[in-house]
Structures are given as structure tokens and as C-alpha cells.
């Protein structure tokens, strides 16, 4: 017979799931690679990675802690709290502790990069604490992900200032992530009184808005840097144009399956262009 996991192992697994590991790992990896692209020394790259990871974990844990009652109300059995695998009180303790760690680790990098990195953490907490229920639910994503590349670049030697187009692209990519993240949970959210901007716009308009934001990110990252776009940049735009058109169909039941790969393609393309942009500022 297969061995059942021990209770400590099950709790550890539940705690990892409660961090929302997909977005947490993705944001941490992108921030780390951007720090490398910006020419940051290895020890400071490690600090950037640790600070961003702690901040993202705190946002994930705070989300599941603050949403525990709402998730139970709609029977979100994918949530560890609903499964009974972890108590909300433990998530609260870990969320506050990891937020404190993020503050310390970020400020070790310096006041300017530290504060900019902490804007992302504060934005995530503000979203979880109530902004997700309002018409300005996208604002924490714009501010947080706009500040992230600025903070990572500022951690490089000489504390360079990130160019406007890199910050704007980060904000646009964050806003697109908001529309993409909300889409699978719209019905559950509406059932518990959560009416953020995507809920108010509806599935179809949100899909079009998200696709437009991803396309705008591509344009900013290719056309924003000084000088003519590179051949790789033009190739990226050539891929982005049809992908935007297909991604805009994500809000329709008929084309949703085809649209998802287009959204993923645009997201990966924009992340690659973002990393290339980080290298261009050094």
C-alpha cells in the first residue's frame, strides 16, 4: 500500500500551496533574471531573489488568510484552508512574518531599491485587504509591477534609474495579469460580493483589455529604448500582433481554448522583452 504523507509533510505542502506558488515563483524568477540582466553582482542578485520571494509569499499567505471565510462559502476545495490542511491563524502569522522579512531584505539593498520593491508588497496586501472588491482593483497591479523593475534595476551598481518605458511595461504587464488571474474565479467572486474592475467589465471586455495590455507591453519594450528596434524586436512584434487578436477572444466560450495559448505566448514574449530591456539600461 502507498504510504500516506506524514502530518508535517502535509502541512508543509499546504503552506506551499497557500503561497500561490505559480505566481510567486514566476515573479521571483523574473525579478532574479532581470537583476542578472541589469549587471547586478551575485550577492545582491541573491538578496533581490530572497526579498521578492518573501514578499510574494506574504501576499499569497495573506490572501488565503483574509479570504478564508469567503473561500469556505463557495467551497473552494483547491484551497488548503477549505481542505482543513492549515489554519487561518497560522497563515496570518506566516504572512506577517514573511512581510517583515521582505522589509528587512529589501532595505538591505538600499533605501531606493528597497522602497521600490516594497511597493509591490504593499500593493499586494492592499489588494487582498479590500481593493479587489472595488472598481480600482487594477491599481495595485499597475503600481506594484511598475515599481518592481524600477527596484530591481536600482539594486544594480550605481543605483541606475529605470527608463520610463520599462516601468510602464511592468505596470501594463501587471494589469494584464490581473485580468488573467480573475477570469477563472469570476463566478465565485461575484457570489461573495467581490466586484473588481474585471467583474464590472465582464468576461469578454476583460479579455480584450488584457490582450490589449499585453500587446501594449510588447510595443513599449520594442519601441521604447533609444535607437531603432532590433531585428529580434521586430520579430517579437510580428508574433505579438496575431497573438493579441487571438487572445482577445479569451472571453468567448467558443474560442477560449484557442485563446489561452495566445495569452501564454504573449506573456512569455513580454517577459523575454522585459529581460532584454533590463540588459539595455546598463
C-alpha atoms as a PDB file:
ATOM      1  CA  UNK A   1       0.000   0.000   0.000  1.00  0.00           C
ATOM      2  CA  UNK A   2       1.277   3.521  -0.692  1.00  0.00           C
ATOM      3  CA  UNK A   3       2.426   5.334   2.357  1.00  0.00           C
ATOM      4  CA  UNK A   4       0.320   8.286   3.469  1.00  0.00           C
ATOM      5  CA  UNK A   5       2.231  11.543   3.896  1.00  0.00           C
ATOM      6  CA  UNK A   6       3.025  12.491   7.470  1.00  0.00           C
ATOM      7  CA  UNK A   7       1.123  15.372   9.014  1.00  0.00           C
ATOM      8  CA  UNK A   8       4.169  17.701   8.980  1.00  0.00           C
ATOM      9  CA  UNK A   9       4.712  16.919   5.293  1.00  0.00           C
ATOM     10  CA  UNK A  10       1.038  17.527   4.533  1.00  0.00           C
ATOM     11  CA  UNK A  11       1.119  20.822   6.409  1.00  0.00           C
ATOM     12  CA  UNK A  12       4.268  21.879   4.596  1.00  0.00           C
ATOM     13  CA  UNK A  13       2.641  21.075   1.258  1.00  0.00           C
ATOM     14  CA  UNK A  14      -0.455  23.053   2.244  1.00  0.00           C
ATOM     15  CA  UNK A  15       1.647  26.042   3.227  1.00  0.00           C
ATOM     16  CA  UNK A  16       3.462  25.969  -0.111  1.00  0.00           C
ATOM     17  CA  UNK A  17       0.141  25.823  -1.967  1.00  0.00           C
ATOM     18  CA  UNK A  18      -1.146  28.756   0.083  1.00  0.00           C
ATOM     19  CA  UNK A  19       1.675  30.949  -1.212  1.00  0.00           C
ATOM     20  CA  UNK A  20       0.088  30.642  -4.692  1.00  0.00           C
ATOM     21  CA  UNK A  21       3.327  29.058  -5.916  1.00  0.00           C
ATOM     22  CA  UNK A  22       2.762  29.667  -9.639  1.00  0.00           C
ATOM     23  CA  UNK A  23       2.717  33.484  -9.494  1.00  0.00           C
ATOM     24  CA  UNK A  24       5.133  33.557  -6.557  1.00  0.00           C
ATOM     25  CA  UNK A  25       7.804  31.559  -8.366  1.00  0.00           C
ATOM     26  CA  UNK A  26       7.188  33.331 -11.683  1.00  0.00           C
ATOM     27  CA  UNK A  27       7.574  36.831 -10.211  1.00  0.00           C
ATOM     28  CA  UNK A  28      10.643  35.795  -8.211  1.00  0.00           C
ATOM     29  CA  UNK A  29      12.337  34.193 -11.232  1.00  0.00           C
ATOM     30  CA  UNK A  30      11.620  37.184 -13.477  1.00  0.00           C
ATOM     31  CA  UNK A  31      12.945  39.614 -10.845  1.00  0.00           C
ATOM     32  CA  UNK A  32      16.071  37.497 -10.375  1.00  0.00           C
ATOM     33  CA  UNK A  33      16.766  37.237 -14.097  1.00  0.00           C
ATOM     34  CA  UNK A  34      16.142  40.963 -14.516  1.00  0.00           C
ATOM     35  CA  UNK A  35      18.705  41.649 -11.778  1.00  0.00           C
ATOM     36  CA  UNK A  36      21.214  39.450 -13.628  1.00  0.00           C
ATOM     37  CA  UNK A  37      20.440  41.213 -16.917  1.00  0.00           C
ATOM     38  CA  UNK A  38      20.977  44.575 -15.236  1.00  0.00           C
ATOM     39  CA  UNK A  39      24.530  43.575 -14.252  1.00  0.00           C
ATOM     40  CA  UNK A  40      23.884  43.184 -10.528  1.00  0.00           C
ATOM     41  CA  UNK A  41      26.590  41.353  -8.529  1.00  0.00           C
ATOM     42  CA  UNK A  42      25.746  37.814  -7.466  1.00  0.00           C
ATOM     43  CA  UNK A  43      25.356  38.600  -3.755  1.00  0.00           C
ATOM     44  CA  UNK A  44      22.862  41.364  -4.492  1.00  0.00           C
ATOM     45  CA  UNK A  45      21.038  39.160  -7.023  1.00  0.00           C
ATOM     46  CA  UNK A  46      20.542  36.658  -4.201  1.00  0.00           C
ATOM     47  CA  UNK A  47      19.202  39.444  -1.973  1.00  0.00           C
ATOM     48  CA  UNK A  48      16.775  40.567  -4.686  1.00  0.00           C
ATOM     49  CA  UNK A  49      15.564  36.985  -5.089  1.00  0.00           C
ATOM     50  CA  UNK A  50      15.124  36.497  -1.335  1.00  0.00           C
ATOM     51  CA  UNK A  51      13.356  39.841  -0.867  1.00  0.00           C
ATOM     52  CA  UNK A  52      10.935  39.266  -3.739  1.00  0.00           C
ATOM     53  CA  UNK A  53      10.257  35.659  -2.688  1.00  0.00           C
ATOM     54  CA  UNK A  54       9.499  36.720   0.899  1.00  0.00           C
ATOM     55  CA  UNK A  55       7.207  39.484  -0.321  1.00  0.00           C
ATOM     56  CA  UNK A  56       5.342  37.237  -2.747  1.00  0.00           C
ATOM     57  CA  UNK A  57       4.925  34.522  -0.110  1.00  0.00           C
ATOM     58  CA  UNK A  58       3.480  37.091   2.286  1.00  0.00           C
ATOM     59  CA  UNK A  59       0.979  38.216  -0.349  1.00  0.00           C
ATOM     60  CA  UNK A  60      -0.104  34.633  -1.057  1.00  0.00           C
ATOM     61  CA  UNK A  61      -0.453  33.705   2.606  1.00  0.00           C
ATOM     62  CA  UNK A  62      -2.328  36.920   3.404  1.00  0.00           C
ATOM     63  CA  UNK A  63      -4.716  36.222   0.530  1.00  0.00           C
ATOM     64  CA  UNK A  64      -5.661  32.782   1.828  1.00  0.00           C
ATOM     65  CA  UNK A  65      -5.848  34.061   5.412  1.00  0.00           C
ATOM     66  CA  UNK A  66      -8.079  37.044   4.614  1.00  0.00           C
ATOM     67  CA  UNK A  67     -10.226  35.076   2.150  1.00  0.00           C
ATOM     68  CA  UNK A  68     -10.695  32.002   4.372  1.00  0.00           C
ATOM     69  CA  UNK A  69     -14.379  32.620   5.117  1.00  0.00           C
ATOM     70  CA  UNK A  70     -15.165  33.581   1.525  1.00  0.00           C
ATOM     71  CA  UNK A  71     -13.385  30.504   0.151  1.00  0.00           C
ATOM     72  CA  UNK A  72     -15.349  28.273   2.552  1.00  0.00           C
ATOM     73  CA  UNK A  73     -18.608  29.932   1.483  1.00  0.00           C
ATOM     74  CA  UNK A  74     -18.065  28.955  -2.157  1.00  0.00           C
ATOM     75  CA  UNK A  75     -16.459  25.587  -1.332  1.00  0.00           C
ATOM     76  CA  UNK A  76     -13.081  26.342  -2.891  1.00  0.00           C
ATOM     77  CA  UNK A  77     -11.749  22.834  -2.277  1.00  0.00           C
ATOM     78  CA  UNK A  78      -8.489  23.732  -4.026  1.00  0.00           C
ATOM     79  CA  UNK A  79      -7.670  25.982  -1.080  1.00  0.00           C
ATOM     80  CA  UNK A  80      -5.695  24.421   1.815  1.00  0.00           C
ATOM     81  CA  UNK A  81      -7.791  26.323   4.388  1.00  0.00           C
ATOM     82  CA  UNK A  82     -11.012  24.866   2.987  1.00  0.00           C
ATOM     83  CA  UNK A  83      -9.439  21.406   2.998  1.00  0.00           C
ATOM     84  CA  UNK A  84      -8.655  21.844   6.692  1.00  0.00           C
ATOM     85  CA  UNK A  85      -4.965  21.327   5.980  1.00  0.00           C
ATOM     86  CA  UNK A  86      -3.887  24.609   7.567  1.00  0.00           C
ATOM     87  CA  UNK A  87      -5.437  27.095   9.974  1.00  0.00           C
ATOM     88  CA  UNK A  88      -6.005  30.749   9.012  1.00  0.00           C
ATOM     89  CA  UNK A  89      -4.200  31.797  12.199  1.00  0.00           C
ATOM     90  CA  UNK A  90      -1.024  30.068  11.019  1.00  0.00           C
ATOM     91  CA  UNK A  91      -1.304  31.767   7.621  1.00  0.00           C
ATOM     92  CA  UNK A  92      -1.694  35.119   9.381  1.00  0.00           C
ATOM     93  CA  UNK A  93       1.468  34.517  11.410  1.00  0.00           C
ATOM     94  CA  UNK A  94       3.449  33.462   8.362  1.00  0.00           C
ATOM     95  CA  UNK A  95       2.097  36.316   6.239  1.00  0.00           C
ATOM     96  CA  UNK A  96       3.135  38.917   8.803  1.00  0.00           C
ATOM     97  CA  UNK A  97       6.493  37.236   9.416  1.00  0.00           C
ATOM     98  CA  UNK A  98       7.378  36.978   5.737  1.00  0.00           C
ATOM     99  CA  UNK A  99       6.289  40.579   5.176  1.00  0.00           C
ATOM    100  CA  UNK A 100       8.666  41.650   7.935  1.00  0.00           C
ATOM    101  CA  UNK A 101      11.431  39.582   6.332  1.00  0.00           C
ATOM    102  CA  UNK A 102      10.705  41.233   2.985  1.00  0.00           C
ATOM    103  CA  UNK A 103      11.094  44.668   4.601  1.00  0.00           C
ATOM    104  CA  UNK A 104      14.478  43.787   6.072  1.00  0.00           C
ATOM    105  CA  UNK A 105      15.824  42.044   2.974  1.00  0.00           C
ATOM    106  CA  UNK A 106      14.642  44.819   0.660  1.00  0.00           C
ATOM    107  CA  UNK A 107      16.128  47.642   2.711  1.00  0.00           C
ATOM    108  CA  UNK A 108      19.473  45.829   2.938  1.00  0.00           C
ATOM    109  CA  UNK A 109      19.706  46.555  -0.795  1.00  0.00           C
ATOM    110  CA  UNK A 110      19.444  50.279  -0.062  1.00  0.00           C
ATOM    111  CA  UNK A 111      16.654  52.746   0.593  1.00  0.00           C
ATOM    112  CA  UNK A 112      15.701  53.413  -3.042  1.00  0.00           C
ATOM    113  CA  UNK A 113      15.635  49.822  -4.348  1.00  0.00           C
ATOM    114  CA  UNK A 114      14.211  48.643  -1.030  1.00  0.00           C
ATOM    115  CA  UNK A 115      11.286  51.037  -1.027  1.00  0.00           C
ATOM    116  CA  UNK A 116      10.526  50.319  -4.678  1.00  0.00           C
ATOM    117  CA  UNK A 117      10.489  46.560  -4.083  1.00  0.00           C
ATOM    118  CA  UNK A 118       8.258  47.058  -1.056  1.00  0.00           C
ATOM    119  CA  UNK A 119       5.734  48.977  -3.166  1.00  0.00           C
ATOM    120  CA  UNK A 120       4.930  45.616  -4.763  1.00  0.00           C
ATOM    121  CA  UNK A 121       4.420  44.001  -1.350  1.00  0.00           C
ATOM    122  CA  UNK A 122       2.250  46.864  -0.092  1.00  0.00           C
ATOM    123  CA  UNK A 123       0.222  46.790  -3.304  1.00  0.00           C
ATOM    124  CA  UNK A 124      -0.437  43.070  -2.952  1.00  0.00           C
ATOM    125  CA  UNK A 125      -1.565  43.468   0.643  1.00  0.00           C
ATOM    126  CA  UNK A 126      -3.795  46.415  -0.275  1.00  0.00           C
ATOM    127  CA  UNK A 127      -5.410  44.321  -2.999  1.00  0.00           C
ATOM    128  CA  UNK A 128      -6.043  41.423  -0.615  1.00  0.00           C
ATOM    129  CA  UNK A 129      -7.320  43.721   2.137  1.00  0.00           C
ATOM    130  CA  UNK A 130     -10.135  45.188   0.069  1.00  0.00           C
ATOM    131  CA  UNK A 131      -9.161  46.865  -3.185  1.00  0.00           C
ATOM    132  CA  UNK A 132     -10.003  43.629  -5.024  1.00  0.00           C
ATOM    133  CA  UNK A 133     -13.661  44.428  -4.337  1.00  0.00           C
ATOM    134  CA  UNK A 134     -13.577  47.859  -5.959  1.00  0.00           C
ATOM    135  CA  UNK A 135     -13.513  49.426  -9.413  1.00  0.00           C
ATOM    136  CA  UNK A 136      -9.839  50.327  -8.866  1.00  0.00           C
ATOM    137  CA  UNK A 137      -8.793  46.705  -8.322  1.00  0.00           C
ATOM    138  CA  UNK A 138      -6.245  47.012 -11.135  1.00  0.00           C
ATOM    139  CA  UNK A 139      -4.343  49.860  -9.444  1.00  0.00           C
ATOM    140  CA  UNK A 140      -2.275  47.651  -7.069  1.00  0.00           C
ATOM    141  CA  UNK A 141      -1.137  45.594 -10.048  1.00  0.00           C
ATOM    142  CA  UNK A 142      -0.109  48.663 -12.033  1.00  0.00           C
ATOM    143  CA  UNK A 143       1.753  50.290  -9.145  1.00  0.00           C
ATOM    144  CA  UNK A 144       3.304  47.103  -7.794  1.00  0.00           C
ATOM    145  CA  UNK A 145       4.548  45.675 -11.068  1.00  0.00           C
ATOM    146  CA  UNK A 146       5.569  49.089 -12.326  1.00  0.00           C
ATOM    147  CA  UNK A 147       7.744  49.515  -9.237  1.00  0.00           C
ATOM    148  CA  UNK A 148       9.260  46.015  -9.464  1.00  0.00           C
ATOM    149  CA  UNK A 149      11.573  46.568 -12.469  1.00  0.00           C
ATOM    150  CA  UNK A 150      12.471  50.005 -11.114  1.00  0.00           C
ATOM    151  CA  UNK A 151      13.511  48.462  -7.805  1.00  0.00           C
ATOM    152  CA  UNK A 152      15.453  45.629  -9.406  1.00  0.00           C
ATOM    153  CA  UNK A 153      17.339  47.997 -11.727  1.00  0.00           C
ATOM    154  CA  UNK A 154      18.074  50.354  -8.822  1.00  0.00           C
ATOM    155  CA  UNK A 155      19.741  47.452  -6.989  1.00  0.00           C
ATOM    156  CA  UNK A 156      22.432  47.325  -9.699  1.00  0.00           C
ATOM    157  CA  UNK A 157      25.794  49.089  -9.199  1.00  0.00           C
ATOM    158  CA  UNK A 158      25.405  52.876  -9.247  1.00  0.00           C
ATOM    159  CA  UNK A 159      21.659  52.605  -8.496  1.00  0.00           C
ATOM    160  CA  UNK A 160      20.589  53.397 -12.078  1.00  0.00           C
ATOM    161  CA  UNK A 161      17.139  54.822 -12.725  1.00  0.00           C
ATOM    162  CA  UNK A 162      14.937  52.525 -14.778  1.00  0.00           C
ATOM    163  CA  UNK A 163      13.734  54.161 -18.016  1.00  0.00           C
ATOM    164  CA  UNK A 164      10.077  55.184 -18.214  1.00  0.00           C
ATOM    165  CA  UNK A 165       9.253  52.552 -20.808  1.00  0.00           C
ATOM    166  CA  UNK A 166      10.496  49.713 -18.595  1.00  0.00           C
ATOM    167  CA  UNK A 167       8.380  50.929 -15.672  1.00  0.00           C
ATOM    168  CA  UNK A 168       5.342  51.466 -17.917  1.00  0.00           C
ATOM    169  CA  UNK A 169       5.763  47.998 -19.425  1.00  0.00           C
ATOM    170  CA  UNK A 170       5.936  46.442 -15.959  1.00  0.00           C
ATOM    171  CA  UNK A 171       2.730  48.212 -14.965  1.00  0.00           C
ATOM    172  CA  UNK A 172       0.946  47.154 -18.161  1.00  0.00           C
ATOM    173  CA  UNK A 173       2.088  43.551 -17.725  1.00  0.00           C
ATOM    174  CA  UNK A 174       0.856  43.605 -14.122  1.00  0.00           C
ATOM    175  CA  UNK A 175      -2.528  44.950 -15.188  1.00  0.00           C
ATOM    176  CA  UNK A 176      -2.805  42.212 -17.822  1.00  0.00           C
ATOM    177  CA  UNK A 177      -2.006  39.640 -15.124  1.00  0.00           C
ATOM    178  CA  UNK A 178      -4.893  40.987 -13.044  1.00  0.00           C
ATOM    179  CA  UNK A 179      -7.406  40.381 -15.811  1.00  0.00           C
ATOM    180  CA  UNK A 180      -5.969  36.918 -16.476  1.00  0.00           C
ATOM    181  CA  UNK A 181      -5.935  35.921 -12.779  1.00  0.00           C
ATOM    182  CA  UNK A 182      -9.519  36.964 -12.137  1.00  0.00           C
ATOM    183  CA  UNK A 183     -11.046  35.237 -15.173  1.00  0.00           C
ATOM    184  CA  UNK A 184     -11.247  31.672 -13.726  1.00  0.00           C
ATOM    185  CA  UNK A 185     -12.839  32.852 -10.451  1.00  0.00           C
ATOM    186  CA  UNK A 186     -15.383  35.419 -11.667  1.00  0.00           C
ATOM    187  CA  UNK A 187     -18.441  33.374 -10.696  1.00  0.00           C
ATOM    188  CA  UNK A 188     -17.138  32.536  -7.196  1.00  0.00           C
ATOM    189  CA  UNK A 189     -16.071  36.141  -6.686  1.00  0.00           C
ATOM    190  CA  UNK A 190     -19.466  37.531  -7.663  1.00  0.00           C
ATOM    191  CA  UNK A 191     -21.169  35.056  -5.332  1.00  0.00           C
ATOM    192  CA  UNK A 192     -19.284  36.534  -2.373  1.00  0.00           C
ATOM    193  CA  UNK A 193     -19.575  40.209  -3.291  1.00  0.00           C
ATOM    194  CA  UNK A 194     -16.209  40.726  -4.973  1.00  0.00           C
ATOM    195  CA  UNK A 195     -16.694  43.154  -7.856  1.00  0.00           C
ATOM    196  CA  UNK A 196     -13.335  44.333  -9.089  1.00  0.00           C
ATOM    197  CA  UNK A 197     -12.792  46.013 -12.435  1.00  0.00           C
ATOM    198  CA  UNK A 198     -12.763  42.755 -14.485  1.00  0.00           C
ATOM    199  CA  UNK A 199     -16.057  41.693 -12.880  1.00  0.00           C
ATOM    200  CA  UNK A 200     -17.640  45.015 -13.787  1.00  0.00           C
ATOM    201  CA  UNK A 201     -16.386  44.866 -17.357  1.00  0.00           C
ATOM    202  CA  UNK A 202     -17.424  41.268 -17.928  1.00  0.00           C
ATOM    203  CA  UNK A 203     -15.513  38.313 -19.361  1.00  0.00           C
ATOM    204  CA  UNK A 204     -15.421  39.486 -22.972  1.00  0.00           C
ATOM    205  CA  UNK A 205     -14.363  43.079 -22.310  1.00  0.00           C
ATOM    206  CA  UNK A 206     -11.802  41.882 -19.767  1.00  0.00           C
ATOM    207  CA  UNK A 207     -10.273  39.501 -22.320  1.00  0.00           C
ATOM    208  CA  UNK A 208      -9.975  42.292 -24.875  1.00  0.00           C
ATOM    209  CA  UNK A 209      -8.492  44.638 -22.267  1.00  0.00           C
ATOM    210  CA  UNK A 210      -5.968  42.041 -21.107  1.00  0.00           C
ATOM    211  CA  UNK A 211      -4.913  41.280 -24.673  1.00  0.00           C
ATOM    212  CA  UNK A 212      -4.534  44.975 -25.444  1.00  0.00           C
ATOM    213  CA  UNK A 213      -2.383  45.438 -22.344  1.00  0.00           C
ATOM    214  CA  UNK A 214      -0.115  42.552 -23.335  1.00  0.00           C
ATOM    215  CA  UNK A 215       0.205  43.985 -26.834  1.00  0.00           C
ATOM    216  CA  UNK A 216       0.952  47.438 -25.409  1.00  0.00           C
ATOM    217  CA  UNK A 217       3.676  45.912 -23.251  1.00  0.00           C
ATOM    218  CA  UNK A 218       5.298  44.458 -26.355  1.00  0.00           C
ATOM    219  CA  UNK A 219       5.180  47.823 -28.112  1.00  0.00           C
ATOM    220  CA  UNK A 220       6.699  49.637 -25.129  1.00  0.00           C
ATOM    221  CA  UNK A 221       9.545  47.158 -24.791  1.00  0.00           C
ATOM    222  CA  UNK A 222      10.397  47.160 -28.504  1.00  0.00           C
ATOM    223  CA  UNK A 223       9.863  50.822 -29.373  1.00  0.00           C
ATOM    224  CA  UNK A 224      10.721  52.415 -26.029  1.00  0.00           C
ATOM    225  CA  UNK A 225      14.520  52.016 -25.951  1.00  0.00           C
ATOM    226  CA  UNK A 226      16.624  54.618 -27.723  1.00  0.00           C
ATOM    227  CA  UNK A 227      17.583  53.833 -31.292  1.00  0.00           C
ATOM    228  CA  UNK A 228      15.852  51.702 -33.887  1.00  0.00           C
ATOM    229  CA  UNK A 229      14.315  48.396 -32.796  1.00  0.00           C
ATOM    230  CA  UNK A 230      16.456  45.313 -33.231  1.00  0.00           C
ATOM    231  CA  UNK A 231      15.610  42.516 -35.622  1.00  0.00           C
ATOM    232  CA  UNK A 232      14.589  40.431 -32.619  1.00  0.00           C
ATOM    233  CA  UNK A 233      12.293  43.232 -31.512  1.00  0.00           C
ATOM    234  CA  UNK A 234      10.567  43.390 -34.890  1.00  0.00           C
ATOM    235  CA  UNK A 235      10.212  39.613 -34.851  1.00  0.00           C
ATOM    236  CA  UNK A 236       8.630  39.849 -31.421  1.00  0.00           C
ATOM    237  CA  UNK A 237       6.088  42.375 -32.665  1.00  0.00           C
ATOM    238  CA  UNK A 238       5.335  40.189 -35.669  1.00  0.00           C
ATOM    239  CA  UNK A 239       4.433  37.398 -33.238  1.00  0.00           C
ATOM    240  CA  UNK A 240       2.555  39.722 -30.911  1.00  0.00           C
ATOM    241  CA  UNK A 241       0.073  41.150 -33.421  1.00  0.00           C
ATOM    242  CA  UNK A 242      -1.761  37.910 -34.312  1.00  0.00           C
ATOM    243  CA  UNK A 243      -1.418  36.670 -30.725  1.00  0.00           C
ATOM    244  CA  UNK A 244      -3.203  39.784 -29.448  1.00  0.00           C
ATOM    245  CA  UNK A 245      -6.047  39.198 -31.884  1.00  0.00           C
ATOM    246  CA  UNK A 246      -6.472  35.594 -30.735  1.00  0.00           C
ATOM    247  CA  UNK A 247      -6.009  36.420 -27.028  1.00  0.00           C
ATOM    248  CA  UNK A 248      -8.836  38.953 -27.247  1.00  0.00           C
ATOM    249  CA  UNK A 249     -11.205  36.027 -27.883  1.00  0.00           C
ATOM    250  CA  UNK A 250     -10.489  34.519 -24.447  1.00  0.00           C
ATOM    251  CA  UNK A 251     -13.767  35.902 -23.091  1.00  0.00           C
ATOM    252  CA  UNK A 252     -15.848  33.867 -25.510  1.00  0.00           C
ATOM    253  CA  UNK A 253     -16.699  30.241 -24.799  1.00  0.00           C
ATOM    254  CA  UNK A 254     -16.193  29.235 -28.421  1.00  0.00           C
ATOM    255  CA  UNK A 255     -12.587  30.421 -28.707  1.00  0.00           C
ATOM    256  CA  UNK A 256     -11.390  30.256 -25.089  1.00  0.00           C
ATOM    257  CA  UNK A 257      -9.343  27.095 -25.609  1.00  0.00           C
ATOM    258  CA  UNK A 258      -7.516  28.564 -28.601  1.00  0.00           C
ATOM    259  CA  UNK A 259      -7.054  31.915 -26.896  1.00  0.00           C
ATOM    260  CA  UNK A 260      -5.245  30.557 -23.819  1.00  0.00           C
ATOM    261  CA  UNK A 261      -2.057  29.574 -25.716  1.00  0.00           C
ATOM    262  CA  UNK A 262      -2.042  33.030 -27.311  1.00  0.00           C
ATOM    263  CA  UNK A 263      -2.183  34.667 -23.881  1.00  0.00           C
ATOM    264  CA  UNK A 264       0.678  32.467 -22.691  1.00  0.00           C
ATOM    265  CA  UNK A 265       2.710  33.259 -25.812  1.00  0.00           C
ATOM    266  CA  UNK A 266       2.233  36.987 -25.288  1.00  0.00           C
ATOM    267  CA  UNK A 267       3.125  36.734 -21.614  1.00  0.00           C
ATOM    268  CA  UNK A 268       6.335  34.788 -22.286  1.00  0.00           C
ATOM    269  CA  UNK A 269       7.222  37.117 -25.149  1.00  0.00           C
ATOM    270  CA  UNK A 270       6.756  40.178 -22.963  1.00  0.00           C
ATOM    271  CA  UNK A 271       8.830  38.673 -20.153  1.00  0.00           C
ATOM    272  CA  UNK A 272      11.673  37.958 -22.590  1.00  0.00           C
ATOM    273  CA  UNK A 273      11.461  41.518 -23.916  1.00  0.00           C
ATOM    274  CA  UNK A 274      11.383  42.805 -20.332  1.00  0.00           C
ATOM    275  CA  UNK A 275      14.609  40.969 -19.518  1.00  0.00           C
ATOM    276  CA  UNK A 276      16.176  42.303 -22.700  1.00  0.00           C
ATOM    277  CA  UNK A 277      15.084  45.770 -21.615  1.00  0.00           C
ATOM    278  CA  UNK A 278      16.809  45.285 -18.274  1.00  0.00           C
ATOM    279  CA  UNK A 279      20.054  44.488 -20.074  1.00  0.00           C
ATOM    280  CA  UNK A 280      19.607  47.581 -22.270  1.00  0.00           C
ATOM    281  CA  UNK A 281      19.640  50.005 -19.324  1.00  0.00           C
ATOM    282  CA  UNK A 282      23.134  49.045 -18.161  1.00  0.00           C
END
